[in-house]
PDB file of N, CA and C in Angstrom:
ATOM      1  N   UNK A   1       2.506 -24.147 -25.349  1.00  0.00           N
ATOM      2  CA  UNK A   1       1.892 -23.564 -24.170  1.00  0.00           C
ATOM      3  C   UNK A   1       1.045 -22.361 -24.572  1.00  0.00           C
ATOM      4  N   UNK A   2      -0.168 -22.337 -24.124  1.00  0.00           N
ATOM      5  CA  UNK A   2      -1.090 -21.269 -24.471  1.00  0.00           C
ATOM      6  C   UNK A   2      -0.951 -20.106 -23.494  1.00  0.00           C
ATOM      7  N   UNK A   3      -1.052 -18.882 -24.032  1.00  0.00           N
ATOM      8  CA  UNK A   3      -0.985 -17.686 -23.190  1.00  0.00           C
ATOM      9  C   UNK A   3      -2.354 -17.315 -22.617  1.00  0.00           C
ATOM     10  N   UNK A   4      -3.387 -18.036 -23.013  1.00  0.00           N
ATOM     11  CA  UNK A   4      -4.737 -17.721 -22.546  1.00  0.00           C
ATOM     12  C   UNK A   4      -5.033 -18.444 -21.238  1.00  0.00           C
ATOM     13  N   UNK A   5      -5.839 -17.797 -20.398  1.00  0.00           N
ATOM     14  CA  UNK A   5      -6.255 -18.402 -19.142  1.00  0.00           C
ATOM     15  C   UNK A   5      -7.433 -19.333 -19.372  1.00  0.00           C
ATOM     16  N   UNK A   6      -7.517 -20.362 -18.559  1.00  0.00           N
ATOM     17  CA  UNK A   6      -8.699 -21.219 -18.616  1.00  0.00           C
ATOM     18  C   UNK A   6      -9.862 -20.445 -18.000  1.00  0.00           C
ATOM     19  N   UNK A   7     -11.052 -20.936 -18.186  1.00  0.00           N
ATOM     20  CA  UNK A   7     -12.231 -20.281 -17.626  1.00  0.00           C
ATOM     21  C   UNK A   7     -12.125 -20.214 -16.103  1.00  0.00           C
ATOM     22  N   UNK A   8     -11.622 -21.275 -15.485  1.00  0.00           N
ATOM     23  CA  UNK A   8     -11.471 -21.308 -14.029  1.00  0.00           C
ATOM     24  C   UNK A   8     -10.429 -20.282 -13.563  1.00  0.00           C
ATOM     25  N   UNK A   9      -9.327 -20.187 -14.300  1.00  0.00           N
ATOM     26  CA  UNK A   9      -8.289 -19.218 -13.949  1.00  0.00           C
ATOM     27  C   UNK A   9      -8.810 -17.790 -14.084  1.00  0.00           C
ATOM     28  N   UNK A  10      -9.564 -17.532 -15.134  1.00  0.00           N
ATOM     29  CA  UNK A  10     -10.134 -16.201 -15.351  1.00  0.00           C
ATOM     30  C   UNK A  10     -11.096 -15.845 -14.222  1.00  0.00           C
ATOM     31  N   UNK A  11     -11.919 -16.801 -13.803  1.00  0.00           N
ATOM     32  CA  UNK A  11     -12.856 -16.558 -12.704  1.00  0.00           C
ATOM     33  C   UNK A  11     -12.112 -16.287 -11.401  1.00  0.00           C
ATOM     34  N   UNK A  12     -11.047 -17.049 -11.141  1.00  0.00           N
ATOM     35  CA  UNK A  12     -10.259 -16.852  -9.933  1.00  0.00           C
ATOM     36  C   UNK A  12      -9.584 -15.482  -9.951  1.00  0.00           C
ATOM     37  N   UNK A  13      -9.046 -15.105 -11.109  1.00  0.00           N
ATOM     38  CA  UNK A  13      -8.408 -13.801 -11.248  1.00  0.00           C
ATOM     39  C   UNK A  13      -9.413 -12.671 -11.007  1.00  0.00           C
ATOM     40  N   UNK A  14     -10.608 -12.803 -11.544  1.00  0.00           N
ATOM     41  CA  UNK A  14     -11.636 -11.786 -11.334  1.00  0.00           C
ATOM     42  C   UNK A  14     -12.046 -11.704  -9.865  1.00  0.00           C
ATOM     43  N   UNK A  15     -12.119 -12.846  -9.194  1.00  0.00           N
ATOM     44  CA  UNK A  15     -12.469 -12.868  -7.771  1.00  0.00           C
ATOM     45  C   UNK A  15     -11.390 -12.188  -6.941  1.00  0.00           C
ATOM     46  N   UNK A  16     -10.133 -12.497  -7.237  1.00  0.00           N
ATOM     47  CA  UNK A  16      -9.025 -11.884  -6.505  1.00  0.00           C
ATOM     48  C   UNK A  16      -9.006 -10.373  -6.738  1.00  0.00           C
ATOM     49  N   UNK A  17      -9.214  -9.949  -7.977  1.00  0.00           N
ATOM     50  CA  UNK A  17      -9.232  -8.520  -8.295  1.00  0.00           C
ATOM     51  C   UNK A  17     -10.359  -7.814  -7.546  1.00  0.00           C
ATOM     52  N   UNK A  18     -11.520  -8.452  -7.455  1.00  0.00           N
ATOM     53  CA  UNK A  18     -12.650  -7.868  -6.735  1.00  0.00           C
ATOM     54  C   UNK A  18     -12.336  -7.752  -5.240  1.00  0.00           C
ATOM     55  N   UNK A  19     -11.663  -8.754  -4.683  1.00  0.00           N
ATOM     56  CA  UNK A  19     -11.286  -8.708  -3.267  1.00  0.00           C
ATOM     57  C   UNK A  19     -10.284  -7.588  -2.995  1.00  0.00           C
ATOM     58  N   UNK A  20      -9.321  -7.423  -3.897  1.00  0.00           N
ATOM     59  CA  UNK A  20      -8.326  -6.355  -3.743  1.00  0.00           C
ATOM     60  C   UNK A  20      -9.015  -4.990  -3.830  1.00  0.00           C
ATOM     61  N   UNK A  21      -9.918  -4.845  -4.783  1.00  0.00           N
ATOM     62  CA  UNK A  21     -10.642  -3.575  -4.933  1.00  0.00           C
ATOM     63  C   UNK A  21     -11.481  -3.277  -3.698  1.00  0.00           C
ATOM     64  N   UNK A  22     -12.162  -4.278  -3.157  1.00  0.00           N
ATOM     65  CA  UNK A  22     -12.984  -4.082  -1.962  1.00  0.00           C
ATOM     66  C   UNK A  22     -12.117  -3.675  -0.771  1.00  0.00           C
ATOM     67  N   UNK A  23     -10.957  -4.290  -0.638  1.00  0.00           N
ATOM     68  CA  UNK A  23     -10.037  -3.948   0.447  1.00  0.00           C
ATOM     69  C   UNK A  23      -9.530  -2.519   0.292  1.00  0.00           C
ATOM     70  N   UNK A  24      -9.217  -2.113  -0.929  1.00  0.00           N
ATOM     71  CA  UNK A  24      -8.744  -0.749  -1.180  1.00  0.00           C
ATOM     72  C   UNK A  24      -9.829   0.269  -0.860  1.00  0.00           C
ATOM     73  N   UNK A  25     -11.064  -0.027  -1.224  1.00  0.00           N
ATOM     74  CA  UNK A  25     -12.174   0.877  -0.916  1.00  0.00           C
ATOM     75  C   UNK A  25     -12.356   0.988   0.588  1.00  0.00           C
ATOM     76  N   UNK A  26     -12.292  -0.130   1.278  1.00  0.00           N
ATOM     77  CA  UNK A  26     -12.437  -0.130   2.736  1.00  0.00           C
ATOM     78  C   UNK A  26     -11.311   0.667   3.393  1.00  0.00           C
ATOM     79  N   UNK A  27     -10.102   0.500   2.880  1.00  0.00           N
ATOM     80  CA  UNK A  27      -8.961   1.230   3.433  1.00  0.00           C
ATOM     81  C   UNK A  27      -9.138   2.733   3.235  1.00  0.00           C
ATOM     82  N   UNK A  28      -9.599   3.130   2.050  1.00  0.00           N
ATOM     83  CA  UNK A  28      -9.824   4.554   1.786  1.00  0.00           C
ATOM     84  C   UNK A  28     -10.895   5.118   2.703  1.00  0.00           C
ATOM     85  N   UNK A  29     -11.990   4.391   2.874  1.00  0.00           N
ATOM     86  CA  UNK A  29     -13.064   4.852   3.750  1.00  0.00           C
ATOM     87  C   UNK A  29     -12.583   4.958   5.191  1.00  0.00           C
ATOM     88  N   UNK A  30     -11.791   3.994   5.626  1.00  0.00           N
ATOM     89  CA  UNK A  30     -11.254   4.021   6.982  1.00  0.00           C
ATOM     90  C   UNK A  30     -10.351   5.230   7.166  1.00  0.00           C
ATOM     91  N   UNK A  31      -9.519   5.530   6.167  1.00  0.00           N
ATOM     92  CA  UNK A  31      -8.635   6.685   6.271  1.00  0.00           C
ATOM     93  C   UNK A  31      -9.430   7.982   6.304  1.00  0.00           C
ATOM     94  N   UNK A  32     -10.503   8.061   5.510  1.00  0.00           N
ATOM     95  CA  UNK A  32     -11.319   9.271   5.507  1.00  0.00           C
ATOM     96  C   UNK A  32     -11.961   9.498   6.876  1.00  0.00           C
ATOM     97  N   UNK A  33     -12.333   8.427   7.564  1.00  0.00           N
ATOM     98  CA  UNK A  33     -12.959   8.537   8.880  1.00  0.00           C
ATOM     99  C   UNK A  33     -11.925   8.688   9.994  1.00  0.00           C
ATOM    100  N   UNK A  34     -10.728   8.151   9.799  1.00  0.00           N
ATOM    101  CA  UNK A  34      -9.678   8.172  10.815  1.00  0.00           C
ATOM    102  C   UNK A  34      -8.347   8.570  10.179  1.00  0.00           C
ATOM    103  N   UNK A  35      -8.215   9.835   9.769  1.00  0.00           N
ATOM    104  CA  UNK A  35      -6.965  10.228   9.112  1.00  0.00           C
ATOM    105  C   UNK A  35      -5.774  10.092  10.054  1.00  0.00           C
ATOM    106  N   UNK A  36      -4.655   9.766   9.488  1.00  0.00           N
ATOM    107  CA  UNK A  36      -3.423   9.590  10.254  1.00  0.00           C
ATOM    108  C   UNK A  36      -2.522  10.779  10.017  1.00  0.00           C
ATOM    109  N   UNK A  37      -1.939  11.301  11.079  1.00  0.00           N
ATOM    110  CA  UNK A  37      -1.010  12.411  10.921  1.00  0.00           C
ATOM    111  C   UNK A  37       0.346  11.933  10.435  1.00  0.00           C
ATOM    112  N   UNK A  38       0.579  10.625  10.404  1.00  0.00           N
ATOM    113  CA  UNK A  38       1.855  10.080   9.971  1.00  0.00           C
ATOM    114  C   UNK A  38       1.838   9.668   8.502  1.00  0.00           C
ATOM    115  N   UNK A  39       0.762   9.929   7.790  1.00  0.00           N
ATOM    116  CA  UNK A  39       0.707   9.543   6.386  1.00  0.00           C
ATOM    117  C   UNK A  39       1.356  10.623   5.536  1.00  0.00           C
ATOM    118  N   UNK A  40       1.635  10.282   4.304  1.00  0.00           N
ATOM    119  CA  UNK A  40       2.231  11.245   3.400  1.00  0.00           C
ATOM    120  C   UNK A  40       3.733  11.067   3.318  1.00  0.00           C
ATOM    121  N   UNK A  41       4.421  12.137   3.030  1.00  0.00           N
ATOM    122  CA  UNK A  41       5.862  12.080   2.820  1.00  0.00           C
ATOM    123  C   UNK A  41       6.615  12.630   4.028  1.00  0.00           C
ATOM    124  N   UNK A  42       6.328  12.124   5.177  1.00  0.00           N
ATOM    125  CA  UNK A  42       6.976  12.570   6.393  1.00  0.00           C
ATOM    126  C   UNK A  42       8.099  11.598   6.739  1.00  0.00           C
ATOM    127  N   UNK A  43       9.253  12.145   7.094  1.00  0.00           N
ATOM    128  CA  UNK A  43      10.386  11.324   7.492  1.00  0.00           C
ATOM    129  C   UNK A  43      10.693  11.632   8.943  1.00  0.00           C
ATOM    130  N   UNK A  44      10.745  10.602   9.775  1.00  0.00           N
ATOM    131  CA  UNK A  44      11.068  10.766  11.188  1.00  0.00           C
ATOM    132  C   UNK A  44      12.510  10.338  11.416  1.00  0.00           C
ATOM    133  N   UNK A  45      13.286  11.201  12.070  1.00  0.00           N
ATOM    134  CA  UNK A  45      14.672  10.884  12.399  1.00  0.00           C
ATOM    135  C   UNK A  45      14.820  11.007  13.905  1.00  0.00           C
ATOM    136  N   UNK A  46      15.356   9.964  14.511  1.00  0.00           N
ATOM    137  CA  UNK A  46      15.576   9.978  15.964  1.00  0.00           C
ATOM    138  C   UNK A  46      16.599  11.063  16.294  1.00  0.00           C
ATOM    139  N   UNK A  47      16.386  11.828  17.378  1.00  0.00           N
ATOM    140  CA  UNK A  47      17.303  12.921  17.721  1.00  0.00           C
ATOM    141  C   UNK A  47      18.751  12.476  17.917  1.00  0.00           C
ATOM    142  N   UNK A  48      18.986  11.218  18.253  1.00  0.00           N
ATOM    143  CA  UNK A  48      20.343  10.728  18.474  1.00  0.00           C
ATOM    144  C   UNK A  48      20.911  10.006  17.241  1.00  0.00           C
ATOM    145  N   UNK A  49      20.259  10.123  16.116  1.00  0.00           N
ATOM    146  CA  UNK A  49      20.698   9.410  14.911  1.00  0.00           C
ATOM    147  C   UNK A  49      22.047   9.939  14.412  1.00  0.00           C
ATOM    148  N   UNK A  50      22.904   9.023  13.952  1.00  0.00           N
ATOM    149  CA  UNK A  50      24.209   9.410  13.411  1.00  0.00           C
ATOM    150  C   UNK A  50      24.056  10.359  12.228  1.00  0.00           C
ATOM    151  N   UNK A  51      22.962  10.231  11.515  1.00  0.00           N
ATOM    152  CA  UNK A  51      22.698  11.078  10.349  1.00  0.00           C
ATOM    153  C   UNK A  51      22.815  12.555  10.708  1.00  0.00           C
ATOM    154  N   UNK A  52      22.392  12.927  11.886  1.00  0.00           N
ATOM    155  CA  UNK A  52      22.426  14.327  12.303  1.00  0.00           C
ATOM    156  C   UNK A  52      23.841  14.802  12.614  1.00  0.00           C
ATOM    157  N   UNK A  53      24.769  13.888  12.864  1.00  0.00           N
ATOM    158  CA  UNK A  53      26.148  14.251  13.149  1.00  0.00           C
ATOM    159  C   UNK A  53      27.000  14.362  11.895  1.00  0.00           C
ATOM    160  N   UNK A  54      26.483  13.929  10.745  1.00  0.00           N
ATOM    161  CA  UNK A  54      27.232  13.945   9.501  1.00  0.00           C
ATOM    162  C   UNK A  54      27.068  15.307   8.833  1.00  0.00           C
ATOM    163  N   UNK A  55      28.121  16.118   8.848  1.00  0.00           N
ATOM    164  CA  UNK A  55      28.036  17.481   8.319  1.00  0.00           C
ATOM    165  C   UNK A  55      28.124  17.539   6.799  1.00  0.00           C
ATOM    166  N   UNK A  56      28.575  16.450   6.144  1.00  0.00           N
ATOM    167  CA  UNK A  56      28.725  16.458   4.688  1.00  0.00           C
ATOM    168  C   UNK A  56      27.399  16.376   3.964  1.00  0.00           C
ATOM    169  N   UNK A  57      26.382  15.821   4.572  1.00  0.00           N
ATOM    170  CA  UNK A  57      25.104  15.651   3.884  1.00  0.00           C
ATOM    171  C   UNK A  57      24.216  16.759   4.186  1.00  0.00           C
TER     172      UNK A  57
END
C-alpha cells in the first residue's frame, strides 16, 4: 500500500483545504463586522444551578 495520494486525491484535498480557508476568512470577516459579546472565555451559570450551592468548590 502506497502512502502517496493519487493526483485526483491531491486535487480533492487541495479543493477541500481551499473551501475550509475561504469559510474561515468569511467567518473572521463576519465577526469583525458583527462582534459577539458571548465570544471568548465567558462561562454562563444559571442562577439556580446546583453548582452555586456546592460550598466545597
